[in-house]
Amino acid sequence: MKKTLGCIRKADHDFSLIESGDRVAVGVSGGKDSLLLLHALSLYRQFSHKDFSLFAITVTLGLEPFDLTRIRALCEQLDIEYIVKETEIGKIIFEYRQEKNPCALCAKMRRAVLANTCVEYNINKLALGHHREDAIETLLMSLFNEGRFKTFHPKTRMSRTGITVIRLLIYLPESHVKHMAKVLDLPVVKSPCPADGNTDRQKMKDLMRELRKVYPDVNERFLHALQQDHYDLWQKDNSPSGNG
């Protein structure tokens, strides 16, 4: 857990992600990333010398099976209020619209529900469990699909709601996320999404796996590139509003 908390502290320091008085909600999808972030933040608030409140929000897709019993138990154990928003997003995308490339629309709709829930509960920051490889894969998808060299920023303000999205795991390797999920026996819930494992992101994961065979340190190289100021991707910003 020391490495996880160290990466969170570094991200928080570099981009001023959490401040005293914040009400922070972790978007809990049921996957290993968001569950590790939730567990880690429950510890981080104890020693960070920052007085912030912590919540967990899950947006269901209306797809089964999706049993949240163990996640509820974890939130009770960590003394974190757990909010579940039931939706029909999955049915809208796969049954009504029959989207061939559903991921972008699904993410946009889930993000909107998360943001609206934050407003409802007077929560000002939404923490997402994106780790280092997520940032790299997003960069590659942007490059190959749009011809742009772009990825998400660790801190983004949503103009419509005023909610600030923060990504505290951006320095943490996915391999360590997997390791900690096993060590902590996190209550991971398998995604009921029909497209799970058959997406553009999965293609980027496969591509990176092949690249590592030739360039073993390729992930570290990408992370280094993201932090270079002249690319204007992850400029450190210690202002309260962040970089949107």
Foldseek 3Di string as FASTA:
>chain_A
DVVQLVLLVVQCVQAVQDAAPAEEEEECALALLSLVVLVSVLVCCVPVPHHYAYAYEYEDQLFDDDDCVQVVVVCVVSVHHYYYHYDNNLCCDCPVVNDPARPVVSVVVVVVVVLVVCLVVVGQEYEYRDAQLNQVLQQVCCCVVPVDRAGDEQWDADVVRRHIYHYSRHHPDVVVSVVVCVVVVGRRTDDRRPCPCPHSSVVSVVVVVVVCVVVVCVSVVVVVVCDDVVVVHHRGDNDPRGDD
